[in-house]
N, C-alpha and C. Protein backbone atom coordinates (compact mmCIF):
# COMPACT_ATOMS: atom_id res chain seq x y z
N MET A 1 104.46 -14.68 -29.56
CA MET A 1 105.65 -14.02 -29.27
C MET A 1 106.78 -14.75 -30.11
N SER A 2 107.42 -13.99 -30.87
CA SER A 2 108.47 -14.57 -31.73
C SER A 2 109.80 -14.41 -31.06
N GLY A 3 110.85 -15.08 -31.62
CA GLY A 3 112.26 -14.97 -31.13
C GLY A 3 112.55 -16.17 -30.23
N PRO A 4 113.74 -16.10 -29.62
CA PRO A 4 114.16 -17.21 -28.79
C PRO A 4 113.30 -17.30 -27.58
N ASP A 5 113.24 -18.61 -27.13
CA ASP A 5 112.41 -18.93 -25.89
C ASP A 5 113.18 -18.32 -24.69
N LEU A 6 112.56 -18.51 -23.55
CA LEU A 6 113.21 -17.87 -22.42
C LEU A 6 114.45 -18.55 -21.89
N ALA A 7 114.55 -19.92 -22.09
CA ALA A 7 115.68 -20.68 -21.74
C ALA A 7 116.94 -20.29 -22.62
N THR A 8 116.74 -20.08 -23.82
CA THR A 8 117.67 -19.59 -24.85
C THR A 8 118.22 -18.34 -24.49
N ARG A 9 117.25 -17.38 -24.12
CA ARG A 9 117.60 -16.06 -23.84
C ARG A 9 118.51 -15.96 -22.51
N LEU A 10 118.10 -16.81 -21.44
CA LEU A 10 118.89 -16.84 -20.27
C LEU A 10 120.22 -17.42 -20.46
N ARG A 11 120.38 -18.53 -21.34
CA ARG A 11 121.62 -19.10 -21.59
C ARG A 11 122.63 -18.04 -22.27
N ASN A 12 122.14 -17.35 -23.20
CA ASN A 12 122.87 -16.26 -23.95
C ASN A 12 123.20 -15.15 -23.07
N TRP A 13 122.35 -14.84 -22.04
CA TRP A 13 122.56 -13.88 -21.07
C TRP A 13 123.76 -14.21 -20.17
N PHE A 14 123.90 -15.35 -19.80
CA PHE A 14 124.92 -15.82 -18.84
C PHE A 14 126.21 -16.38 -19.52
N ARG A 15 126.06 -16.51 -20.83
CA ARG A 15 127.25 -17.01 -21.56
C ARG A 15 128.40 -15.99 -21.40
N PRO A 16 129.67 -16.48 -21.05
CA PRO A 16 130.76 -15.56 -20.91
C PRO A 16 131.17 -15.02 -22.24
N THR A 17 131.50 -13.78 -22.31
CA THR A 17 132.02 -13.26 -23.49
C THR A 17 133.51 -13.36 -23.59
N PRO A 18 134.01 -13.70 -24.85
CA PRO A 18 135.57 -13.92 -24.85
C PRO A 18 136.24 -12.59 -24.63
N ALA A 19 137.36 -12.76 -23.97
CA ALA A 19 138.15 -11.59 -23.68
C ALA A 19 138.84 -11.07 -24.91
N PRO A 20 138.98 -9.79 -25.05
CA PRO A 20 139.60 -9.20 -26.24
C PRO A 20 141.00 -9.55 -26.26
N ALA A 21 141.62 -9.79 -27.48
CA ALA A 21 143.00 -10.15 -27.62
C ALA A 21 143.86 -9.02 -27.11
N PHE A 22 144.95 -9.41 -26.45
CA PHE A 22 145.91 -8.52 -25.73
C PHE A 22 146.89 -8.03 -26.87
N VAL A 23 146.92 -6.72 -26.91
CA VAL A 23 147.81 -6.11 -27.96
C VAL A 23 148.69 -5.12 -26.95
N PRO A 24 149.98 -5.56 -26.95
CA PRO A 24 150.99 -4.66 -26.08
C PRO A 24 151.02 -3.26 -26.75
N ASP A 25 151.10 -2.32 -25.84
CA ASP A 25 151.20 -0.91 -26.19
C ASP A 25 152.81 -0.64 -26.45
N PRO A 26 153.23 -0.15 -27.57
CA PRO A 26 154.59 -0.05 -27.77
C PRO A 26 155.18 1.00 -26.75
N ALA A 27 154.36 1.88 -26.27
CA ALA A 27 154.91 2.88 -25.31
C ALA A 27 155.18 2.26 -23.88
N ASP A 28 154.61 1.07 -23.61
CA ASP A 28 154.78 0.40 -22.27
C ASP A 28 156.27 -0.09 -22.15
N PRO A 29 156.77 0.08 -21.01
CA PRO A 29 158.11 -0.39 -20.69
C PRO A 29 158.17 -1.95 -20.98
N PRO A 30 159.43 -2.46 -21.28
CA PRO A 30 159.48 -4.00 -21.51
C PRO A 30 159.27 -4.67 -20.31
N GLU A 31 158.88 -5.98 -20.42
CA GLU A 31 158.62 -6.92 -19.29
C GLU A 31 159.99 -6.99 -18.55
N ARG A 32 159.90 -7.28 -17.24
CA ARG A 32 161.21 -7.40 -16.61
C ARG A 32 162.19 -8.41 -17.18
N ARG A 33 161.54 -9.52 -17.66
CA ARG A 33 162.49 -10.59 -18.16
C ARG A 33 162.97 -10.22 -19.63
N GLU A 34 162.32 -9.26 -20.22
CA GLU A 34 162.75 -8.83 -21.54
C GLU A 34 163.83 -7.76 -21.50
N LYS A 35 163.85 -7.09 -20.27
CA LYS A 35 164.87 -5.86 -20.21
C LYS A 35 166.17 -6.41 -20.33
N GLU A 36 166.97 -5.67 -21.08
CA GLU A 36 168.53 -5.88 -21.06
C GLU A 36 169.09 -5.76 -19.79
N ARG A 37 169.95 -6.68 -19.37
CA ARG A 37 170.67 -6.60 -18.08
C ARG A 37 171.96 -5.78 -18.32
N ARG A 38 172.23 -4.77 -17.50
CA ARG A 38 173.36 -4.06 -17.75
C ARG A 38 174.53 -4.41 -16.81
N GLY A 39 174.24 -5.23 -15.78
CA GLY A 39 175.14 -5.40 -14.82
C GLY A 39 176.31 -6.41 -15.11
N ALA A 40 176.87 -6.94 -14.12
CA ALA A 40 178.05 -7.72 -14.11
C ALA A 40 178.21 -8.74 -15.27
N ALA A 41 179.28 -8.74 -15.86
CA ALA A 41 179.52 -9.63 -17.02
C ALA A 41 179.81 -11.13 -16.50
N PRO A 42 179.53 -12.11 -17.39
CA PRO A 42 179.87 -13.46 -16.90
C PRO A 42 181.36 -13.53 -16.60
N GLY A 43 181.59 -14.28 -15.45
CA GLY A 43 183.03 -14.48 -14.96
C GLY A 43 183.30 -13.47 -13.92
N THR A 44 182.33 -12.52 -13.55
CA THR A 44 182.57 -11.58 -12.54
C THR A 44 182.74 -12.43 -11.20
N LYS A 45 183.71 -11.96 -10.36
CA LYS A 45 184.06 -12.69 -9.08
C LYS A 45 183.38 -12.08 -7.93
N VAL A 46 182.53 -12.78 -7.20
CA VAL A 46 181.71 -12.27 -6.21
C VAL A 46 182.04 -13.11 -4.88
N LEU A 47 182.53 -12.43 -3.85
CA LEU A 47 182.86 -13.13 -2.58
C LEU A 47 181.74 -12.95 -1.62
N ILE A 48 181.21 -14.15 -1.07
CA ILE A 48 180.18 -14.14 -0.19
C ILE A 48 180.79 -14.54 1.25
N ILE A 49 180.59 -13.52 2.13
CA ILE A 49 181.08 -13.73 3.61
C ILE A 49 179.82 -13.81 4.39
N ASP A 50 179.51 -15.05 4.79
CA ASP A 50 178.30 -15.26 5.65
C ASP A 50 178.45 -16.66 6.26
N ASP A 51 178.06 -16.75 7.52
CA ASP A 51 178.19 -17.96 8.29
C ASP A 51 176.96 -18.86 8.11
N SER A 52 175.93 -18.51 7.43
CA SER A 52 174.72 -19.17 7.23
C SER A 52 174.93 -19.95 5.89
N ALA A 53 174.97 -21.34 6.05
CA ALA A 53 175.08 -22.22 4.75
C ALA A 53 173.91 -21.95 3.91
N THR A 54 172.76 -21.60 4.47
CA THR A 54 171.56 -21.47 3.53
C THR A 54 171.73 -20.21 2.73
N ILE A 55 172.18 -19.14 3.33
CA ILE A 55 172.34 -17.71 2.60
C ILE A 55 173.45 -18.00 1.49
N VAL A 56 174.50 -18.62 1.91
CA VAL A 56 175.59 -18.84 0.98
C VAL A 56 175.13 -19.76 -0.22
N ALA A 57 174.44 -20.80 -0.10
CA ALA A 57 173.96 -21.68 -0.99
C ALA A 57 173.00 -20.85 -1.88
N LEU A 58 172.05 -20.09 -1.30
CA LEU A 58 171.12 -19.28 -2.04
C LEU A 58 171.83 -18.26 -3.10
N LEU A 59 172.71 -17.53 -2.46
CA LEU A 59 173.43 -16.59 -3.33
C LEU A 59 174.27 -17.27 -4.36
N ARG A 60 175.00 -18.34 -4.00
CA ARG A 60 175.75 -19.08 -4.90
C ARG A 60 174.95 -19.45 -6.19
N ARG A 61 173.77 -20.07 -5.77
CA ARG A 61 172.92 -20.60 -6.91
C ARG A 61 172.55 -19.38 -7.82
N MET A 62 171.98 -18.31 -7.22
CA MET A 62 171.60 -17.14 -8.01
C MET A 62 172.66 -16.67 -8.94
N LEU A 63 173.84 -16.45 -8.32
CA LEU A 63 174.98 -15.90 -9.13
C LEU A 63 175.56 -16.85 -10.03
N ARG A 64 175.67 -18.13 -9.83
CA ARG A 64 176.23 -19.08 -10.84
C ARG A 64 175.25 -19.26 -11.95
N GLN A 65 173.93 -19.21 -11.71
CA GLN A 65 172.86 -19.31 -12.83
C GLN A 65 173.06 -18.10 -13.87
N ASN A 66 173.73 -17.11 -13.45
CA ASN A 66 173.97 -15.86 -14.30
C ASN A 66 175.47 -15.89 -14.63
N GLU A 67 176.10 -16.99 -14.52
CA GLU A 67 177.53 -17.10 -15.00
C GLU A 67 178.52 -16.24 -14.21
N LEU A 68 178.19 -15.88 -12.99
CA LEU A 68 179.14 -15.20 -12.15
C LEU A 68 179.94 -16.32 -11.22
N GLU A 69 181.14 -15.89 -11.03
CA GLU A 69 181.97 -16.81 -10.25
C GLU A 69 181.81 -16.46 -8.75
N THR A 70 181.74 -17.51 -7.84
CA THR A 70 181.61 -17.22 -6.34
C THR A 70 182.72 -17.69 -5.60
N LEU A 71 183.13 -17.02 -4.73
CA LEU A 71 184.02 -17.30 -3.65
C LEU A 71 183.38 -17.25 -2.31
N GLU A 72 183.65 -18.19 -1.33
CA GLU A 72 182.88 -18.20 -0.19
C GLU A 72 183.68 -18.27 1.12
N ALA A 73 183.30 -17.65 2.11
CA ALA A 73 184.00 -17.62 3.39
C ALA A 73 182.86 -17.67 4.48
N GLY A 74 183.14 -18.51 5.56
CA GLY A 74 182.16 -18.56 6.64
C GLY A 74 182.40 -17.67 7.86
N ASP A 75 183.54 -16.91 7.85
CA ASP A 75 183.83 -15.85 8.89
C ASP A 75 184.56 -14.81 8.28
N ALA A 76 184.74 -13.77 8.99
CA ALA A 76 185.28 -12.48 8.46
C ALA A 76 186.69 -12.60 8.21
N GLU A 77 187.49 -13.29 9.10
CA GLU A 77 188.87 -13.41 9.07
C GLU A 77 189.31 -14.07 7.62
N SER A 78 188.63 -15.31 7.40
CA SER A 78 188.91 -15.95 6.09
C SER A 78 188.37 -15.21 4.95
N GLY A 79 187.40 -14.48 5.13
CA GLY A 79 186.78 -13.65 4.04
C GLY A 79 187.85 -12.49 3.64
N ILE A 80 188.49 -11.91 4.60
CA ILE A 80 189.47 -10.83 4.34
C ILE A 80 190.64 -11.47 3.50
N GLU A 81 191.07 -12.56 4.03
CA GLU A 81 192.18 -13.21 3.39
C GLU A 81 191.88 -13.61 1.95
N LEU A 82 190.68 -14.18 1.75
CA LEU A 82 190.25 -14.47 0.38
C LEU A 82 190.05 -13.27 -0.52
N ALA A 83 189.65 -12.09 0.01
CA ALA A 83 189.50 -10.93 -0.69
C ALA A 83 190.92 -10.37 -1.06
N ARG A 84 191.88 -10.47 -0.25
CA ARG A 84 193.30 -10.08 -0.51
C ARG A 84 193.90 -10.89 -1.55
N ALA A 85 193.68 -12.35 -1.52
CA ALA A 85 194.27 -13.20 -2.47
C ALA A 85 193.62 -13.18 -3.82
N GLU A 86 192.26 -13.15 -3.84
CA GLU A 86 191.60 -13.35 -5.11
C GLU A 86 191.09 -12.06 -5.71
N ARG A 87 191.02 -10.97 -5.03
CA ARG A 87 190.48 -9.64 -5.40
C ARG A 87 189.22 -9.72 -6.23
N PRO A 88 188.12 -10.01 -5.49
CA PRO A 88 186.92 -10.16 -6.17
C PRO A 88 186.36 -8.94 -6.71
N ASP A 89 185.39 -8.79 -7.58
CA ASP A 89 184.81 -7.66 -8.15
C ASP A 89 183.65 -7.02 -7.26
N LEU A 90 183.25 -7.91 -6.38
CA LEU A 90 182.12 -7.46 -5.43
C LEU A 90 182.07 -8.34 -4.29
N ILE A 91 181.69 -7.74 -3.14
CA ILE A 91 181.64 -8.64 -1.85
C ILE A 91 180.19 -8.50 -1.15
N PHE A 92 179.58 -9.63 -0.92
CA PHE A 92 178.43 -9.63 -0.04
C PHE A 92 178.99 -9.92 1.39
N LEU A 93 178.66 -9.13 2.34
CA LEU A 93 179.26 -9.24 3.65
C LEU A 93 178.20 -9.23 4.78
N ASP A 94 178.04 -10.33 5.55
CA ASP A 94 177.02 -10.32 6.61
C ASP A 94 177.57 -9.56 7.81
N ILE A 95 176.63 -8.95 8.63
CA ILE A 95 177.09 -8.18 9.72
C ILE A 95 177.37 -9.13 10.87
N VAL A 96 176.47 -10.02 11.20
CA VAL A 96 176.61 -10.99 12.26
C VAL A 96 177.47 -12.12 11.92
N LEU A 97 178.65 -12.17 12.34
CA LEU A 97 179.61 -13.30 12.02
C LEU A 97 180.23 -13.79 13.28
N PRO A 98 180.74 -15.12 13.21
CA PRO A 98 181.43 -15.61 14.40
C PRO A 98 182.82 -14.81 14.39
N GLY A 99 183.37 -14.61 15.70
CA GLY A 99 184.61 -13.91 15.70
C GLY A 99 184.43 -12.33 15.34
N MET A 100 185.26 -11.96 14.44
CA MET A 100 185.08 -10.58 13.90
C MET A 100 183.78 -10.36 13.20
N ASN A 101 183.09 -9.23 13.64
CA ASN A 101 181.78 -8.91 12.88
C ASN A 101 181.93 -8.32 11.66
N GLY A 102 180.94 -8.12 10.84
CA GLY A 102 180.92 -7.55 9.51
C GLY A 102 181.43 -6.10 9.48
N PHE A 103 181.12 -5.31 10.54
CA PHE A 103 181.56 -3.97 10.53
C PHE A 103 183.13 -3.84 10.67
N ALA A 104 183.70 -4.71 11.64
CA ALA A 104 185.02 -4.71 11.60
C ALA A 104 185.85 -5.14 10.40
N ALA A 105 185.20 -6.22 9.79
CA ALA A 105 185.75 -6.75 8.50
C ALA A 105 185.63 -5.65 7.45
N LEU A 106 184.60 -4.86 7.41
CA LEU A 106 184.56 -3.79 6.32
C LEU A 106 185.60 -2.76 6.62
N ARG A 107 185.83 -2.37 7.85
CA ARG A 107 186.78 -1.45 8.15
C ARG A 107 188.18 -1.95 7.76
N ASN A 108 188.46 -3.17 7.89
CA ASN A 108 189.70 -3.89 7.45
C ASN A 108 189.84 -3.74 6.04
N LEU A 109 188.76 -4.08 5.31
CA LEU A 109 188.76 -4.11 3.84
C LEU A 109 189.02 -2.67 3.22
N ARG A 110 188.43 -1.74 3.91
CA ARG A 110 188.62 -0.30 3.45
C ARG A 110 190.01 0.26 3.75
N ARG A 111 190.67 -0.27 4.79
CA ARG A 111 192.07 0.12 5.05
C ARG A 111 193.20 -0.37 4.11
N GLU A 112 192.89 -1.63 3.50
CA GLU A 112 193.87 -2.15 2.74
C GLU A 112 193.87 -1.71 1.26
N PRO A 113 195.03 -1.31 0.74
CA PRO A 113 194.92 -0.75 -0.62
C PRO A 113 194.41 -1.72 -1.70
N VAL A 114 194.67 -3.02 -1.52
CA VAL A 114 194.21 -4.09 -2.43
C VAL A 114 192.61 -4.26 -2.49
N THR A 115 192.06 -3.92 -1.41
CA THR A 115 190.54 -4.31 -1.18
C THR A 115 189.71 -3.04 -1.06
N ARG A 116 190.33 -1.83 -0.86
CA ARG A 116 189.60 -0.63 -0.53
C ARG A 116 188.56 -0.19 -1.56
N ASP A 117 188.87 -0.47 -2.84
CA ASP A 117 187.82 -0.07 -3.85
C ASP A 117 186.82 -1.10 -4.31
N ILE A 118 186.80 -2.19 -3.66
CA ILE A 118 185.96 -3.35 -3.98
C ILE A 118 184.50 -2.94 -3.45
N PRO A 119 183.54 -2.98 -4.30
CA PRO A 119 182.14 -2.67 -3.73
C PRO A 119 181.67 -3.66 -2.69
N VAL A 120 181.10 -3.19 -1.61
CA VAL A 120 180.62 -4.14 -0.59
C VAL A 120 179.12 -3.96 -0.33
N ILE A 121 178.41 -5.00 -0.37
CA ILE A 121 176.96 -5.01 0.06
C ILE A 121 176.85 -5.68 1.37
N MET A 122 176.51 -4.96 2.35
CA MET A 122 176.43 -5.57 3.73
C MET A 122 174.88 -6.13 3.75
N ILE A 123 174.87 -7.45 4.37
CA ILE A 123 173.55 -8.07 4.52
C ILE A 123 173.36 -8.43 5.92
N SER A 124 172.07 -8.27 6.31
CA SER A 124 171.76 -8.58 7.71
C SER A 124 170.22 -8.94 7.86
N GLY A 125 169.88 -9.71 8.83
CA GLY A 125 168.46 -10.00 9.14
C GLY A 125 167.77 -8.95 9.85
N ASN A 126 168.54 -7.94 10.28
CA ASN A 126 168.05 -6.89 11.10
C ASN A 126 167.99 -5.63 10.29
N GLU A 127 166.80 -5.00 10.15
CA GLU A 127 166.65 -3.90 9.18
C GLU A 127 166.66 -2.53 10.04
N GLN A 128 167.30 -2.48 11.21
CA GLN A 128 167.34 -1.20 11.86
C GLN A 128 167.99 -0.12 11.12
N ALA A 129 167.45 1.04 11.23
CA ALA A 129 168.05 2.09 10.45
C ALA A 129 169.46 2.50 10.92
N THR A 130 169.76 2.20 12.30
CA THR A 130 171.06 2.56 12.74
C THR A 130 172.10 1.62 12.18
N GLU A 131 171.74 0.40 11.93
CA GLU A 131 172.73 -0.55 11.35
C GLU A 131 173.00 -0.11 9.90
N GLN A 132 171.96 0.29 9.25
CA GLN A 132 172.13 0.75 7.77
C GLN A 132 173.03 1.99 7.68
N PHE A 133 172.77 2.88 8.66
CA PHE A 133 173.45 4.18 8.66
C PHE A 133 174.96 3.87 8.96
N TYR A 134 175.17 3.02 9.95
CA TYR A 134 176.57 2.81 10.45
C TYR A 134 177.37 2.13 9.28
N ALA A 135 176.58 1.19 8.52
CA ALA A 135 177.27 0.40 7.41
C ALA A 135 177.71 1.30 6.47
N HIS A 136 176.72 2.32 6.02
CA HIS A 136 177.26 3.28 4.89
C HIS A 136 178.21 4.22 5.41
N ARG A 137 178.20 4.58 6.73
CA ARG A 137 179.15 5.56 7.23
C ARG A 137 180.54 4.99 7.21
N ILE A 138 180.82 3.60 7.46
CA ILE A 138 182.12 3.09 7.54
C ILE A 138 182.52 2.63 6.09
N GLY A 139 181.74 2.77 5.12
CA GLY A 139 182.12 2.49 3.78
C GLY A 139 181.47 1.37 2.92
N ALA A 140 180.29 0.94 3.50
CA ALA A 140 179.49 -0.09 2.60
C ALA A 140 178.97 0.68 1.46
N ASP A 141 178.75 0.10 0.37
CA ASP A 141 178.26 0.65 -0.80
C ASP A 141 176.70 0.42 -0.85
N ASP A 142 176.21 -0.58 -0.18
CA ASP A 142 174.73 -0.83 -0.15
C ASP A 142 174.49 -1.74 1.05
N PHE A 143 173.22 -1.89 1.34
CA PHE A 143 172.75 -2.69 2.49
C PHE A 143 171.55 -3.53 2.00
N MET A 144 171.56 -4.70 2.33
CA MET A 144 170.51 -5.62 1.89
C MET A 144 169.89 -6.34 3.07
N LYS A 145 168.63 -6.37 3.29
CA LYS A 145 167.97 -7.04 4.42
C LYS A 145 167.63 -8.55 3.98
N LYS A 146 167.88 -9.51 4.90
CA LYS A 146 167.47 -10.74 4.63
C LYS A 146 166.06 -10.93 5.23
N PRO A 147 165.20 -11.64 4.53
CA PRO A 147 165.44 -12.40 3.23
C PRO A 147 165.28 -11.43 2.13
N PHE A 148 166.00 -11.80 1.04
CA PHE A 148 166.09 -11.00 -0.16
C PHE A 148 165.60 -11.82 -1.39
N SER A 149 165.20 -11.07 -2.43
CA SER A 149 164.76 -11.73 -3.64
C SER A 149 165.85 -11.66 -4.72
N ARG A 150 165.76 -12.58 -5.61
CA ARG A 150 166.65 -12.54 -6.83
C ARG A 150 166.72 -11.23 -7.53
N SER A 151 165.57 -10.66 -7.77
CA SER A 151 165.49 -9.34 -8.32
C SER A 151 166.29 -8.26 -7.57
N GLU A 152 166.14 -8.27 -6.24
CA GLU A 152 166.86 -7.39 -5.39
C GLU A 152 168.40 -7.55 -5.42
N VAL A 153 168.77 -8.83 -5.47
CA VAL A 153 170.19 -9.11 -5.56
C VAL A 153 170.83 -8.56 -6.80
N PHE A 154 170.18 -8.69 -7.96
CA PHE A 154 170.70 -8.34 -9.18
C PHE A 154 170.47 -6.78 -9.46
N ALA A 155 169.60 -6.25 -8.91
CA ALA A 155 169.29 -4.86 -9.02
C ALA A 155 170.51 -4.08 -8.32
N ARG A 156 170.97 -4.67 -7.15
CA ARG A 156 172.04 -4.09 -6.37
C ARG A 156 173.33 -4.32 -7.08
N ILE A 157 173.52 -5.49 -7.70
CA ILE A 157 174.73 -5.68 -8.46
C ILE A 157 174.84 -4.84 -9.57
N GLU A 158 173.75 -4.71 -10.31
CA GLU A 158 173.80 -3.79 -11.50
C GLU A 158 174.01 -2.33 -11.16
N ARG A 159 173.65 -1.97 -9.97
CA ARG A 159 173.90 -0.59 -9.46
C ARG A 159 175.32 -0.43 -9.18
N LEU A 160 176.00 -1.43 -8.83
CA LEU A 160 177.36 -1.28 -8.27
C LEU A 160 178.51 -1.69 -9.40
N LEU A 161 178.15 -2.50 -10.23
CA LEU A 161 179.09 -2.91 -11.34
C LEU A 161 178.60 -2.80 -12.72
N ASP A 162 179.44 -2.33 -13.62
CA ASP A 162 179.03 -2.24 -14.98
C ASP A 162 179.49 -3.48 -15.75
N ILE A 163 179.22 -3.54 -16.89
CA ILE A 163 179.46 -4.78 -17.83
C ILE A 163 180.92 -5.08 -17.87
N ASP A 164 181.76 -4.14 -17.72
CA ASP A 164 183.18 -4.29 -17.79
C ASP A 164 183.83 -4.60 -16.36
N ARG A 165 182.80 -4.90 -15.37
CA ARG A 165 183.31 -5.19 -14.00
C ARG A 165 183.88 -3.98 -13.34
N ILE A 166 183.69 -2.82 -13.78
CA ILE A 166 184.23 -1.55 -13.20
C ILE A 166 183.25 -1.18 -12.16
N PRO A 167 183.61 -0.95 -10.88
CA PRO A 167 182.79 -0.48 -9.80
C PRO A 167 182.17 0.83 -10.13
N ARG A 168 180.95 0.98 -9.79
CA ARG A 168 180.20 2.33 -9.95
C ARG A 168 180.27 2.93 -8.70
N ARG A 169 181.46 3.25 -8.15
CA ARG A 169 181.62 3.87 -6.81
C ARG A 169 182.89 4.74 -6.98
N ILE A 170 182.93 5.81 -6.15
CA ILE A 170 184.12 6.58 -6.30
C ILE A 170 185.18 6.03 -5.41
N PRO A 171 186.21 5.51 -5.97
CA PRO A 171 187.25 4.81 -5.18
C PRO A 171 187.78 5.73 -4.04
N ALA A 172 188.08 5.15 -2.86
CA ALA A 172 188.62 5.98 -1.78
C ALA A 172 189.96 6.57 -2.10
N SER A 173 190.67 6.02 -3.10
CA SER A 173 192.09 6.55 -3.46
C SER A 173 191.88 7.73 -4.43
N ALA A 174 190.74 7.88 -5.06
CA ALA A 174 190.56 8.91 -6.12
C ALA A 174 190.33 10.35 -5.42
N PRO A 175 190.91 11.39 -6.08
CA PRO A 175 190.85 12.63 -5.52
C PRO A 175 189.34 13.17 -5.64
N GLU A 176 188.98 13.94 -4.62
CA GLU A 176 187.62 14.49 -4.71
C GLU A 176 187.55 15.75 -5.51
N THR A 177 186.51 15.88 -6.29
CA THR A 177 186.35 17.12 -7.04
C THR A 177 185.39 18.17 -6.29
N ALA A 178 185.58 19.39 -6.43
CA ALA A 178 184.72 20.40 -5.80
C ALA A 178 183.58 20.71 -6.67
């Protein structure tokens, strides 16, 4: 019998074959990290109203890593005052806060001419549909459940602010078109 012996044939049989070289298909969408971000420009002011130091620190870190400016308040009352004084481009507002809750704070923000057109993302650890419905009904632009990911935070920001920091929402003061 000619050819390789049994041991050589077995070694060749079980030898792993090299994987083919990966060649990306030009028709495939770009990787998430390669996609151009369209959202908020560096220097965009974001107000975080939350009584959880952990959530505030997490959002602060995410936003500042992307060159966004953060303002922070631990309760609704000081958050509303900060919004009046600083006029942020976007607000993250927790629902469960000490004293005034997030729903009452949102109603206050929507009544004031200086803050009524600022996009607001309500955040809560409770994902009940009634809470989301109520938040949207009284004027929230979006609702985000805790815990949240970095990609979720920036997807929501991109949906609400363009590169010129102009809200992508119909201002309450604008006339409606039929």
